[in-house]
Amino acid sequence: MDTRVAVMSIIVENNDTVESVNSLLHEFGNYIIGRMGIPYRAKKISIISIALDAPQDIISTLSGKIGKLAGISVKTAYSNIITHE
């Protein structure tokens, strides 16, 4: 299975969806290297950064599911290194 390292940036503008985001991240937890969450109280948003090592289709699936949630923006940056496992 080929895997890639990627960084997913998530901006949560609707706090009602935080539980759904956390549930999805838990579901894909085996692929998460690390996670950082920053509540930006002055703007009433949360910024989440996720480092992943997973097959590209898994990363795309997670990004797509998160992106469908109301009040969520998500972008993913991929490394060019592909690991054959």
Foldseek 3Di string as FASTA:
>chain_A
DKKWKKKKKKKAQDPVCPVVLVVLCVVVVVFWPDKDKDQPVVNRMIIMMTIGIGHPVVVVVSQVVQCPDPRMDMDMDIDPDMDDD
